[in-house]
N, C-alpha and C. Protein backbone atom coordinates (compact mmCIF):
# COMPACT_ATOMS: atom_id res chain seq x y z
N UNK A 1 -56.42 16.87 -72.41
CA UNK A 1 -57.26 17.41 -71.34
C UNK A 1 -58.11 16.29 -70.75
N UNK A 2 -58.66 16.57 -69.57
CA UNK A 2 -59.52 15.58 -68.91
C UNK A 2 -60.73 15.27 -69.78
N UNK A 3 -61.29 16.31 -70.41
CA UNK A 3 -62.47 16.10 -71.24
C UNK A 3 -62.15 15.13 -72.38
N UNK A 4 -61.04 15.37 -73.08
CA UNK A 4 -60.73 14.51 -74.22
C UNK A 4 -60.41 13.08 -73.77
N UNK A 5 -59.81 12.91 -72.60
CA UNK A 5 -59.55 11.57 -72.08
C UNK A 5 -60.86 10.86 -71.79
N UNK A 6 -61.81 11.55 -71.18
CA UNK A 6 -63.11 10.93 -70.87
C UNK A 6 -63.88 10.61 -72.14
N UNK A 7 -63.79 11.46 -73.14
CA UNK A 7 -64.45 11.17 -74.42
C UNK A 7 -63.78 9.95 -75.06
N UNK A 8 -62.45 9.91 -75.04
CA UNK A 8 -61.73 8.76 -75.60
C UNK A 8 -62.10 7.47 -74.88
N UNK A 9 -62.23 7.54 -73.56
CA UNK A 9 -62.63 6.36 -72.79
C UNK A 9 -64.05 5.92 -73.16
N UNK A 10 -64.93 6.88 -73.36
CA UNK A 10 -66.31 6.56 -73.74
C UNK A 10 -66.34 5.95 -75.14
N UNK A 11 -65.57 6.52 -76.05
CA UNK A 11 -65.47 5.94 -77.40
C UNK A 11 -64.99 4.49 -77.32
N UNK A 12 -63.94 4.26 -76.54
CA UNK A 12 -63.37 2.91 -76.42
C UNK A 12 -64.40 1.93 -75.86
N UNK A 13 -65.12 2.36 -74.83
CA UNK A 13 -66.13 1.48 -74.23
C UNK A 13 -67.24 1.17 -75.22
N UNK A 14 -67.70 2.18 -75.95
CA UNK A 14 -68.77 1.95 -76.93
C UNK A 14 -68.27 1.12 -78.11
N UNK A 15 -67.04 1.36 -78.53
CA UNK A 15 -66.48 0.53 -79.61
C UNK A 15 -66.48 -0.95 -79.19
N UNK A 16 -66.05 -1.21 -77.98
CA UNK A 16 -66.00 -2.58 -77.49
C UNK A 16 -67.40 -3.22 -77.50
N UNK A 17 -68.39 -2.47 -77.05
CA UNK A 17 -69.76 -3.00 -77.04
C UNK A 17 -70.27 -3.26 -78.45
N UNK A 18 -70.07 -2.32 -79.36
CA UNK A 18 -70.56 -2.51 -80.73
C UNK A 18 -69.81 -3.62 -81.45
N UNK A 19 -68.51 -3.75 -81.19
CA UNK A 19 -67.78 -4.88 -81.77
C UNK A 19 -68.28 -6.20 -81.21
N UNK A 20 -68.61 -6.22 -79.92
CA UNK A 20 -69.20 -7.42 -79.34
C UNK A 20 -70.48 -7.81 -80.04
N UNK A 21 -71.27 -6.81 -80.41
CA UNK A 21 -72.52 -7.08 -81.12
C UNK A 21 -72.25 -7.85 -82.42
N UNK A 22 -71.38 -7.32 -83.25
CA UNK A 22 -71.17 -8.00 -84.54
C UNK A 22 -70.44 -9.33 -84.37
N UNK A 23 -69.57 -9.42 -83.38
CA UNK A 23 -68.87 -10.68 -83.11
C UNK A 23 -69.87 -11.79 -82.76
N UNK A 24 -70.76 -11.51 -81.81
CA UNK A 24 -71.68 -12.55 -81.35
C UNK A 24 -72.75 -12.86 -82.39
N UNK A 25 -73.20 -11.85 -83.13
CA UNK A 25 -74.17 -12.13 -84.19
C UNK A 25 -73.55 -13.06 -85.22
N UNK A 26 -72.31 -12.79 -85.60
CA UNK A 26 -71.63 -13.65 -86.58
C UNK A 26 -71.52 -15.08 -86.05
N UNK A 27 -71.23 -15.22 -84.76
CA UNK A 27 -71.14 -16.56 -84.17
C UNK A 27 -72.48 -17.29 -84.21
N UNK A 28 -73.56 -16.58 -83.96
CA UNK A 28 -74.89 -17.21 -84.04
C UNK A 28 -75.13 -17.70 -85.46
N UNK A 29 -74.88 -16.84 -86.43
CA UNK A 29 -75.14 -17.19 -87.83
C UNK A 29 -74.32 -18.40 -88.24
N UNK A 30 -73.03 -18.39 -87.93
CA UNK A 30 -72.18 -19.54 -88.29
C UNK A 30 -72.68 -20.83 -87.64
N UNK A 31 -73.05 -20.74 -86.37
CA UNK A 31 -73.51 -21.95 -85.67
C UNK A 31 -74.83 -22.45 -86.25
N UNK A 32 -75.73 -21.54 -86.56
CA UNK A 32 -77.00 -21.97 -87.16
C UNK A 32 -76.78 -22.61 -88.52
N UNK A 33 -75.92 -22.01 -89.32
CA UNK A 33 -75.68 -22.55 -90.66
C UNK A 33 -75.01 -23.92 -90.59
N UNK A 34 -74.27 -24.18 -89.53
CA UNK A 34 -73.62 -25.48 -89.34
C UNK A 34 -74.50 -26.45 -88.55
N UNK A 35 -75.71 -26.00 -88.21
CA UNK A 35 -76.65 -26.80 -87.41
C UNK A 35 -76.06 -27.22 -86.06
N UNK A 36 -75.32 -26.31 -85.44
CA UNK A 36 -74.78 -26.52 -84.10
C UNK A 36 -75.68 -25.77 -83.12
N UNK A 37 -76.77 -26.41 -82.73
CA UNK A 37 -77.80 -25.74 -81.93
C UNK A 37 -77.30 -25.24 -80.58
N UNK A 38 -76.52 -26.02 -79.88
CA UNK A 38 -76.02 -25.60 -78.56
C UNK A 38 -75.11 -24.38 -78.70
N UNK A 39 -74.25 -24.40 -79.70
CA UNK A 39 -73.36 -23.28 -79.94
C UNK A 39 -74.17 -22.03 -80.32
N UNK A 40 -75.17 -22.20 -81.14
CA UNK A 40 -76.01 -21.07 -81.55
C UNK A 40 -76.74 -20.49 -80.34
N UNK A 41 -77.25 -21.36 -79.49
CA UNK A 41 -77.98 -20.91 -78.30
C UNK A 41 -77.05 -20.13 -77.37
N UNK A 42 -75.84 -20.62 -77.16
CA UNK A 42 -74.88 -19.93 -76.30
C UNK A 42 -74.49 -18.58 -76.88
N UNK A 43 -74.27 -18.53 -78.18
CA UNK A 43 -73.91 -17.26 -78.83
C UNK A 43 -75.08 -16.28 -78.79
N UNK A 44 -76.29 -16.80 -78.96
CA UNK A 44 -77.47 -15.92 -78.90
C UNK A 44 -77.62 -15.32 -77.50
N UNK A 45 -77.30 -16.07 -76.47
CA UNK A 45 -77.33 -15.53 -75.11
C UNK A 45 -76.35 -14.37 -74.98
N UNK A 46 -75.23 -14.47 -75.67
CA UNK A 46 -74.25 -13.37 -75.66
C UNK A 46 -74.75 -12.16 -76.45
N UNK A 47 -75.46 -12.40 -77.55
CA UNK A 47 -76.07 -11.29 -78.31
C UNK A 47 -77.00 -10.52 -77.39
N UNK A 48 -77.80 -11.24 -76.63
CA UNK A 48 -78.77 -10.60 -75.73
C UNK A 48 -78.05 -9.88 -74.59
N UNK A 49 -77.04 -10.50 -74.02
CA UNK A 49 -76.28 -9.85 -72.95
C UNK A 49 -75.61 -8.57 -73.47
N UNK A 50 -75.10 -8.64 -74.69
CA UNK A 50 -74.46 -7.47 -75.29
C UNK A 50 -75.48 -6.36 -75.52
N UNK A 51 -76.68 -6.71 -75.98
CA UNK A 51 -77.72 -5.70 -76.19
C UNK A 51 -78.08 -5.02 -74.87
N UNK A 52 -78.13 -5.80 -73.81
CA UNK A 52 -78.41 -5.22 -72.49
C UNK A 52 -77.29 -4.26 -72.08
N UNK A 53 -76.05 -4.64 -72.36
CA UNK A 53 -74.93 -3.77 -72.02
C UNK A 53 -74.94 -2.49 -72.87
N UNK A 54 -75.26 -2.63 -74.15
CA UNK A 54 -75.37 -1.45 -75.02
C UNK A 54 -76.45 -0.51 -74.50
N UNK A 55 -77.60 -1.06 -74.18
CA UNK A 55 -78.70 -0.23 -73.66
C UNK A 55 -78.30 0.39 -72.33
N UNK A 56 -77.64 -0.37 -71.49
CA UNK A 56 -77.22 0.14 -70.19
C UNK A 56 -76.18 1.24 -70.30
N UNK A 57 -75.46 1.28 -71.41
CA UNK A 57 -74.41 2.29 -71.56
C UNK A 57 -74.96 3.71 -71.65
N UNK A 58 -76.23 3.85 -71.98
CA UNK A 58 -76.80 5.21 -72.05
C UNK A 58 -77.46 5.63 -70.74
N UNK A 59 -77.65 4.68 -69.84
CA UNK A 59 -78.37 4.97 -68.60
C UNK A 59 -77.70 6.04 -67.73
N UNK A 60 -76.37 6.13 -67.67
CA UNK A 60 -75.78 7.20 -66.86
C UNK A 60 -76.10 8.61 -67.39
N UNK A 61 -76.52 8.69 -68.64
CA UNK A 61 -76.79 9.98 -69.27
C UNK A 61 -78.29 10.26 -69.40
N UNK A 62 -79.05 9.23 -69.54
CA UNK A 62 -80.49 9.35 -69.73
C UNK A 62 -81.18 8.55 -68.62
N UNK A 63 -82.45 8.52 -68.61
CA UNK A 63 -83.18 7.80 -67.56
C UNK A 63 -83.24 6.30 -67.88
N UNK A 64 -83.61 5.52 -66.89
CA UNK A 64 -83.73 4.06 -67.06
C UNK A 64 -84.71 3.73 -68.17
N UNK A 65 -85.78 4.51 -68.28
CA UNK A 65 -86.77 4.26 -69.33
C UNK A 65 -86.14 4.36 -70.72
N UNK A 66 -85.17 5.25 -70.89
CA UNK A 66 -84.48 5.37 -72.18
C UNK A 66 -83.64 4.12 -72.44
N UNK A 67 -82.98 3.63 -71.42
CA UNK A 67 -82.20 2.40 -71.55
C UNK A 67 -83.12 1.24 -71.91
N UNK A 68 -84.27 1.16 -71.26
CA UNK A 68 -85.24 0.10 -71.55
C UNK A 68 -85.74 0.20 -72.98
N UNK A 69 -85.99 1.42 -73.45
CA UNK A 69 -86.48 1.63 -74.82
C UNK A 69 -85.41 1.21 -75.83
N UNK A 70 -84.16 1.59 -75.55
CA UNK A 70 -83.09 1.19 -76.46
C UNK A 70 -82.95 -0.33 -76.50
N UNK A 71 -83.08 -0.97 -75.35
CA UNK A 71 -83.02 -2.44 -75.33
C UNK A 71 -84.13 -3.03 -76.20
N UNK A 72 -85.31 -2.48 -76.10
CA UNK A 72 -86.43 -2.95 -76.93
C UNK A 72 -86.10 -2.78 -78.41
N UNK A 73 -85.54 -1.65 -78.77
CA UNK A 73 -85.18 -1.40 -80.17
C UNK A 73 -84.06 -2.32 -80.64
N UNK A 74 -83.09 -2.56 -79.77
CA UNK A 74 -82.00 -3.48 -80.12
C UNK A 74 -82.52 -4.91 -80.25
N UNK A 75 -83.52 -5.26 -79.45
CA UNK A 75 -84.15 -6.58 -79.60
C UNK A 75 -84.81 -6.69 -80.97
N UNK A 76 -85.42 -5.61 -81.44
CA UNK A 76 -86.00 -5.60 -82.78
C UNK A 76 -84.94 -5.74 -83.86
N UNK A 77 -83.80 -5.10 -83.64
CA UNK A 77 -82.67 -5.21 -84.57
C UNK A 77 -82.20 -6.66 -84.64
N UNK A 78 -81.98 -7.26 -83.48
CA UNK A 78 -81.54 -8.65 -83.44
C UNK A 78 -82.59 -9.57 -84.05
N UNK A 79 -83.86 -9.32 -83.75
CA UNK A 79 -84.92 -10.16 -84.30
C UNK A 79 -84.94 -10.14 -85.82
N UNK A 80 -84.74 -8.97 -86.41
CA UNK A 80 -84.72 -8.86 -87.87
C UNK A 80 -83.51 -9.58 -88.46
N UNK A 81 -82.36 -9.44 -87.82
CA UNK A 81 -81.16 -10.13 -88.29
C UNK A 81 -81.35 -11.65 -88.17
N UNK A 82 -81.87 -12.07 -87.05
CA UNK A 82 -82.11 -13.50 -86.82
C UNK A 82 -83.07 -14.06 -87.88
N UNK A 83 -84.14 -13.31 -88.14
CA UNK A 83 -85.10 -13.72 -89.17
C UNK A 83 -84.44 -13.80 -90.54
N UNK A 84 -83.59 -12.81 -90.84
CA UNK A 84 -82.91 -12.81 -92.14
C UNK A 84 -81.98 -14.02 -92.26
N UNK A 85 -81.25 -14.31 -91.20
CA UNK A 85 -80.34 -15.47 -91.23
C UNK A 85 -81.12 -16.76 -91.44
N UNK A 86 -82.20 -16.91 -90.71
CA UNK A 86 -83.02 -18.13 -90.85
C UNK A 86 -83.60 -18.24 -92.25
N UNK A 87 -84.08 -17.12 -92.78
CA UNK A 87 -84.66 -17.13 -94.13
C UNK A 87 -83.59 -17.43 -95.18
N UNK A 88 -82.40 -16.91 -94.98
CA UNK A 88 -81.30 -17.17 -95.92
C UNK A 88 -80.92 -18.64 -95.89
N UNK A 89 -80.83 -19.18 -94.70
CA UNK A 89 -80.47 -20.60 -94.56
C UNK A 89 -81.54 -21.49 -95.19
N UNK A 90 -82.80 -21.06 -95.12
CA UNK A 90 -83.90 -21.83 -95.70
C UNK A 90 -84.14 -21.50 -97.18
N UNK A 91 -83.36 -20.57 -97.73
CA UNK A 91 -83.52 -20.11 -99.11
C UNK A 91 -84.94 -19.59 -99.36
N UNK A 92 -85.47 -18.85 -98.40
CA UNK A 92 -86.83 -18.30 -98.48
C UNK A 92 -86.73 -16.81 -98.81
N UNK A 93 -86.80 -16.49 -100.10
CA UNK A 93 -86.63 -15.10 -100.56
C UNK A 93 -87.68 -14.17 -99.97
N UNK A 94 -88.90 -14.62 -99.88
CA UNK A 94 -89.97 -13.78 -99.34
C UNK A 94 -89.71 -13.42 -97.89
N UNK A 95 -89.28 -14.39 -97.11
CA UNK A 95 -88.96 -14.15 -95.70
C UNK A 95 -87.72 -13.26 -95.58
N UNK A 96 -86.76 -13.42 -96.48
CA UNK A 96 -85.59 -12.54 -96.48
C UNK A 96 -86.02 -11.08 -96.71
N UNK A 97 -86.88 -10.87 -97.69
CA UNK A 97 -87.35 -9.52 -97.99
C UNK A 97 -88.10 -8.92 -96.81
N UNK A 98 -88.94 -9.72 -96.15
CA UNK A 98 -89.68 -9.24 -94.98
C UNK A 98 -88.72 -8.88 -93.85
N UNK A 99 -87.73 -9.71 -93.62
CA UNK A 99 -86.75 -9.43 -92.57
C UNK A 99 -85.94 -8.18 -92.89
N UNK A 100 -85.58 -8.03 -94.16
CA UNK A 100 -84.83 -6.85 -94.58
C UNK A 100 -85.65 -5.58 -94.37
N UNK A 101 -86.94 -5.63 -94.65
CA UNK A 101 -87.82 -4.47 -94.40
C UNK A 101 -87.87 -4.16 -92.90
N UNK A 102 -87.97 -5.20 -92.08
CA UNK A 102 -87.97 -5.01 -90.62
C UNK A 102 -86.66 -4.38 -90.16
N UNK A 103 -85.56 -4.83 -90.73
CA UNK A 103 -84.25 -4.30 -90.36
C UNK A 103 -84.14 -2.81 -90.71
N UNK A 104 -84.61 -2.44 -91.89
CA UNK A 104 -84.57 -1.03 -92.31
C UNK A 104 -85.50 -0.17 -91.45
N UNK A 105 -86.68 -0.67 -91.17
CA UNK A 105 -87.62 0.08 -90.33
C UNK A 105 -87.05 0.27 -88.93
N UNK A 106 -86.43 -0.78 -88.41
CA UNK A 106 -85.82 -0.70 -87.08
C UNK A 106 -84.69 0.31 -87.05
N UNK A 107 -83.88 0.38 -88.10
CA UNK A 107 -82.80 1.37 -88.16
C UNK A 107 -83.39 2.77 -88.03
N UNK A 108 -84.50 3.00 -88.71
CA UNK A 108 -85.17 4.29 -88.61
C UNK A 108 -85.69 4.56 -87.20
N UNK A 109 -86.24 3.54 -86.57
CA UNK A 109 -86.77 3.70 -85.20
C UNK A 109 -85.65 4.02 -84.21
N UNK A 110 -84.54 3.34 -84.34
CA UNK A 110 -83.40 3.62 -83.45
C UNK A 110 -82.88 5.03 -83.70
N UNK A 111 -82.78 5.42 -84.96
CA UNK A 111 -82.30 6.76 -85.30
C UNK A 111 -83.21 7.84 -84.72
N UNK A 112 -84.51 7.66 -84.86
CA UNK A 112 -85.47 8.64 -84.32
C UNK A 112 -85.36 8.69 -82.80
N UNK A 113 -85.23 7.54 -82.16
CA UNK A 113 -85.11 7.50 -80.71
C UNK A 113 -83.85 8.22 -80.24
N UNK A 114 -82.69 7.85 -80.78
CA UNK A 114 -81.44 8.45 -80.34
C UNK A 114 -81.36 9.93 -80.72
N UNK A 115 -81.80 10.25 -81.92
CA UNK A 115 -81.79 11.64 -82.36
C UNK A 115 -82.76 12.50 -81.56
N UNK A 116 -83.87 11.92 -81.14
CA UNK A 116 -84.83 12.63 -80.32
C UNK A 116 -84.31 12.88 -78.91
N UNK A 117 -83.45 11.99 -78.45
CA UNK A 117 -82.89 12.13 -77.10
C UNK A 117 -81.70 13.09 -77.08
N UNK A 118 -81.03 13.25 -78.22
CA UNK A 118 -79.80 14.02 -78.24
C UNK A 118 -79.75 14.91 -79.48
N UNK A 119 -79.80 16.23 -79.31
CA UNK A 119 -79.80 17.13 -80.47
C UNK A 119 -78.48 17.12 -81.24
N UNK A 120 -77.45 16.51 -80.70
CA UNK A 120 -76.15 16.43 -81.37
C UNK A 120 -76.04 15.17 -82.23
N UNK A 121 -77.11 14.40 -82.29
CA UNK A 121 -77.15 13.19 -83.12
C UNK A 121 -78.25 13.34 -84.16
N UNK A 122 -77.92 13.86 -85.34
CA UNK A 122 -78.94 14.07 -86.38
C UNK A 122 -79.59 12.75 -86.81
N UNK A 123 -80.90 12.75 -86.86
CA UNK A 123 -81.65 11.55 -87.19
C UNK A 123 -81.25 10.99 -88.55
N UNK A 124 -81.14 11.84 -89.55
CA UNK A 124 -80.78 11.34 -90.88
C UNK A 124 -79.39 10.71 -90.91
N UNK A 125 -78.46 11.29 -90.19
CA UNK A 125 -77.11 10.72 -90.10
C UNK A 125 -77.16 9.36 -89.42
N UNK A 126 -77.87 9.30 -88.30
CA UNK A 126 -78.01 8.03 -87.59
C UNK A 126 -78.70 6.98 -88.46
N UNK A 127 -79.76 7.38 -89.16
CA UNK A 127 -80.47 6.44 -90.02
C UNK A 127 -79.51 5.87 -91.07
N UNK A 128 -78.69 6.72 -91.66
CA UNK A 128 -77.72 6.26 -92.64
C UNK A 128 -76.71 5.30 -92.04
N UNK A 129 -76.20 5.65 -90.86
CA UNK A 129 -75.22 4.78 -90.20
C UNK A 129 -75.84 3.42 -89.87
N UNK A 130 -77.05 3.43 -89.33
CA UNK A 130 -77.69 2.19 -88.91
C UNK A 130 -78.19 1.36 -90.09
N UNK A 131 -78.61 2.02 -91.15
CA UNK A 131 -79.01 1.29 -92.36
C UNK A 131 -77.81 0.59 -92.97
N UNK A 132 -76.68 1.28 -93.01
CA UNK A 132 -75.45 0.66 -93.51
C UNK A 132 -75.05 -0.52 -92.64
N UNK A 133 -75.18 -0.34 -91.32
CA UNK A 133 -74.87 -1.43 -90.40
C UNK A 133 -75.74 -2.66 -90.71
N UNK A 134 -77.02 -2.45 -90.90
CA UNK A 134 -77.92 -3.56 -91.25
C UNK A 134 -77.52 -4.22 -92.56
N UNK A 135 -77.14 -3.39 -93.53
CA UNK A 135 -76.72 -3.92 -94.84
C UNK A 135 -75.46 -4.77 -94.69
N UNK A 136 -74.59 -4.39 -93.79
CA UNK A 136 -73.40 -5.22 -93.54
C UNK A 136 -73.80 -6.60 -93.01
N UNK A 137 -74.75 -6.62 -92.07
CA UNK A 137 -75.21 -7.92 -91.56
C UNK A 137 -75.76 -8.78 -92.70
N UNK A 138 -76.59 -8.18 -93.54
CA UNK A 138 -77.21 -8.92 -94.66
C UNK A 138 -76.13 -9.47 -95.59
N UNK A 139 -75.18 -8.62 -95.95
CA UNK A 139 -74.11 -9.06 -96.84
C UNK A 139 -73.30 -10.19 -96.21
N UNK A 140 -72.98 -10.05 -94.94
CA UNK A 140 -72.20 -11.08 -94.25
C UNK A 140 -72.96 -12.41 -94.22
N UNK A 141 -74.24 -12.35 -93.91
CA UNK A 141 -75.06 -13.57 -93.86
C UNK A 141 -75.09 -14.25 -95.22
N UNK A 142 -75.28 -13.46 -96.27
CA UNK A 142 -75.28 -14.04 -97.61
C UNK A 142 -73.94 -14.69 -97.94
N UNK A 143 -72.86 -14.03 -97.58
CA UNK A 143 -71.53 -14.57 -97.87
C UNK A 143 -71.24 -15.82 -97.06
N UNK A 144 -71.66 -15.84 -95.80
CA UNK A 144 -71.45 -17.05 -94.99
C UNK A 144 -72.27 -18.22 -95.55
N UNK A 145 -73.49 -17.94 -95.97
CA UNK A 145 -74.33 -19.00 -96.55
C UNK A 145 -73.70 -19.55 -97.83
N UNK A 146 -73.12 -18.65 -98.63
CA UNK A 146 -72.52 -19.05 -99.90
C UNK A 146 -71.09 -19.58 -99.73
N UNK A 147 -70.61 -19.60 -98.49
CA UNK A 147 -69.25 -20.04 -98.19
C UNK A 147 -68.20 -19.19 -98.92
N UNK A 148 -68.48 -17.91 -99.03
CA UNK A 148 -67.57 -16.94 -99.65
C UNK A 148 -66.74 -16.30 -98.52
N UNK A 149 -65.82 -17.08 -98.00
CA UNK A 149 -65.11 -16.67 -96.78
C UNK A 149 -64.15 -15.51 -97.00
N UNK A 150 -63.49 -15.44 -98.14
CA UNK A 150 -62.58 -14.32 -98.40
C UNK A 150 -63.38 -13.01 -98.51
N UNK A 151 -64.52 -13.06 -99.18
CA UNK A 151 -65.36 -11.87 -99.29
C UNK A 151 -65.93 -11.48 -97.93
N UNK A 152 -66.30 -12.49 -97.15
CA UNK A 152 -66.84 -12.20 -95.82
C UNK A 152 -65.78 -11.58 -94.93
N UNK A 153 -64.53 -11.96 -95.11
CA UNK A 153 -63.45 -11.34 -94.33
C UNK A 153 -63.36 -9.85 -94.63
N UNK A 154 -63.56 -9.48 -95.88
CA UNK A 154 -63.57 -8.06 -96.24
C UNK A 154 -64.80 -7.36 -95.64
N UNK A 155 -65.91 -8.03 -95.66
CA UNK A 155 -67.12 -7.46 -95.07
C UNK A 155 -66.93 -7.27 -93.57
N UNK A 156 -66.30 -8.27 -92.92
CA UNK A 156 -66.04 -8.15 -91.48
C UNK A 156 -65.19 -6.90 -91.19
N UNK A 157 -64.16 -6.68 -91.98
CA UNK A 157 -63.30 -5.51 -91.77
C UNK A 157 -64.10 -4.22 -91.92
N UNK A 158 -64.96 -4.17 -92.92
CA UNK A 158 -65.81 -2.98 -93.12
C UNK A 158 -66.78 -2.82 -91.96
N UNK A 159 -67.35 -3.92 -91.49
CA UNK A 159 -68.28 -3.87 -90.36
C UNK A 159 -67.58 -3.33 -89.12
N UNK A 160 -66.38 -3.83 -88.86
CA UNK A 160 -65.61 -3.40 -87.69
C UNK A 160 -65.35 -1.90 -87.75
N UNK A 161 -64.86 -1.45 -88.88
CA UNK A 161 -64.58 -0.02 -89.03
C UNK A 161 -65.85 0.81 -88.89
N UNK A 162 -66.94 0.30 -89.41
CA UNK A 162 -68.21 1.01 -89.32
C UNK A 162 -68.71 1.07 -87.87
N UNK A 163 -68.44 0.04 -87.10
CA UNK A 163 -68.82 0.06 -85.68
C UNK A 163 -68.08 1.17 -84.96
N UNK A 164 -66.83 1.40 -85.35
CA UNK A 164 -66.07 2.50 -84.76
C UNK A 164 -66.74 3.85 -85.07
N UNK A 165 -67.22 4.00 -86.28
CA UNK A 165 -67.89 5.25 -86.66
C UNK A 165 -69.15 5.46 -85.83
N UNK A 166 -69.95 4.42 -85.69
CA UNK A 166 -71.18 4.52 -84.89
C UNK A 166 -70.85 4.82 -83.43
N UNK A 167 -69.93 4.06 -82.86
CA UNK A 167 -69.57 4.25 -81.45
C UNK A 167 -69.02 5.66 -81.21
N UNK A 168 -68.16 6.11 -82.10
CA UNK A 168 -67.55 7.43 -81.93
C UNK A 168 -68.59 8.53 -82.06
N UNK A 169 -69.51 8.38 -83.01
CA UNK A 169 -70.57 9.39 -83.18
C UNK A 169 -71.42 9.48 -81.92
N UNK A 170 -71.77 8.33 -81.36
CA UNK A 170 -72.57 8.33 -80.13
C UNK A 170 -71.81 8.96 -78.98
N UNK A 171 -70.54 8.60 -78.83
CA UNK A 171 -69.73 9.14 -77.73
C UNK A 171 -69.58 10.66 -77.85
N UNK A 172 -69.28 11.14 -79.03
CA UNK A 172 -69.12 12.58 -79.23
C UNK A 172 -70.44 13.31 -79.01
N UNK A 173 -71.52 12.72 -79.49
CA UNK A 173 -72.84 13.33 -79.28
C UNK A 173 -73.21 13.40 -77.80
N UNK A 174 -72.94 12.34 -77.08
CA UNK A 174 -73.24 12.32 -75.64
C UNK A 174 -72.37 13.34 -74.91
N UNK A 175 -71.10 13.39 -75.26
CA UNK A 175 -70.19 14.36 -74.62
C UNK A 175 -70.63 15.79 -74.90
N UNK A 176 -71.10 16.05 -76.09
CA UNK A 176 -71.57 17.40 -76.43
C UNK A 176 -72.84 17.75 -75.66
N UNK A 177 -73.69 16.78 -75.45
CA UNK A 177 -74.95 17.03 -74.74
C UNK A 177 -74.74 17.15 -73.23
N UNK A 178 -73.78 16.42 -72.71
CA UNK A 178 -73.54 16.38 -71.26
C UNK A 178 -72.09 16.77 -70.93
N UNK A 179 -71.66 17.96 -71.29
CA UNK A 179 -70.26 18.32 -71.07
C UNK A 179 -69.83 18.26 -69.60
N UNK A 180 -70.79 18.52 -68.70
CA UNK A 180 -70.45 18.50 -67.28
C UNK A 180 -70.04 17.10 -66.81
N UNK A 181 -70.52 16.05 -67.48
CA UNK A 181 -70.16 14.68 -67.09
C UNK A 181 -68.79 14.28 -67.63
N UNK A 182 -68.23 15.13 -68.47
CA UNK A 182 -66.92 14.85 -69.06
C UNK A 182 -65.85 15.78 -68.53
N UNK A 183 -66.18 16.55 -67.49
CA UNK A 183 -65.21 17.45 -66.84
C UNK A 183 -64.41 16.67 -65.82
N UNK A 184 -63.28 17.22 -65.42
CA UNK A 184 -62.41 16.59 -64.44
C UNK A 184 -62.93 16.56 -63.10
């Protein structure tokens, strides 16, 4: 049906955006760990561009202010990941713990925001999905720092699959909230 095609298209678009997020974050981390500053800077610009695209993806359904708020929350997510990567590279356990707390708090903030905007997106479910996503970043960063490339490859596969779950949940929730936008 037209509805299912539009939902599938929305899932595909969101999957692409969320995969872009983990792809570019991984590139930043690898470049920083190799002390390739120009490469890290270029990849970080892509992380930011991707966050803007992710935030912009909700604008057709919600108001611009919601898109702006999501961008702010995604900036907090990136900031916590960036802090964790830097702390890991510096072997600063205290800074790692602080960044990890920021990452967990941000997952809750994003969950409350999205769940508050859409009754088809339960806050606790979103919090669990986003907390797991953050844990994947942490695990990947630790593995890259330790040069555990085979283990990191497994983490990457889990991260990718998890991005599909997040993207699909968001797409289905949006379609349920705005069925008229998914009609033929």
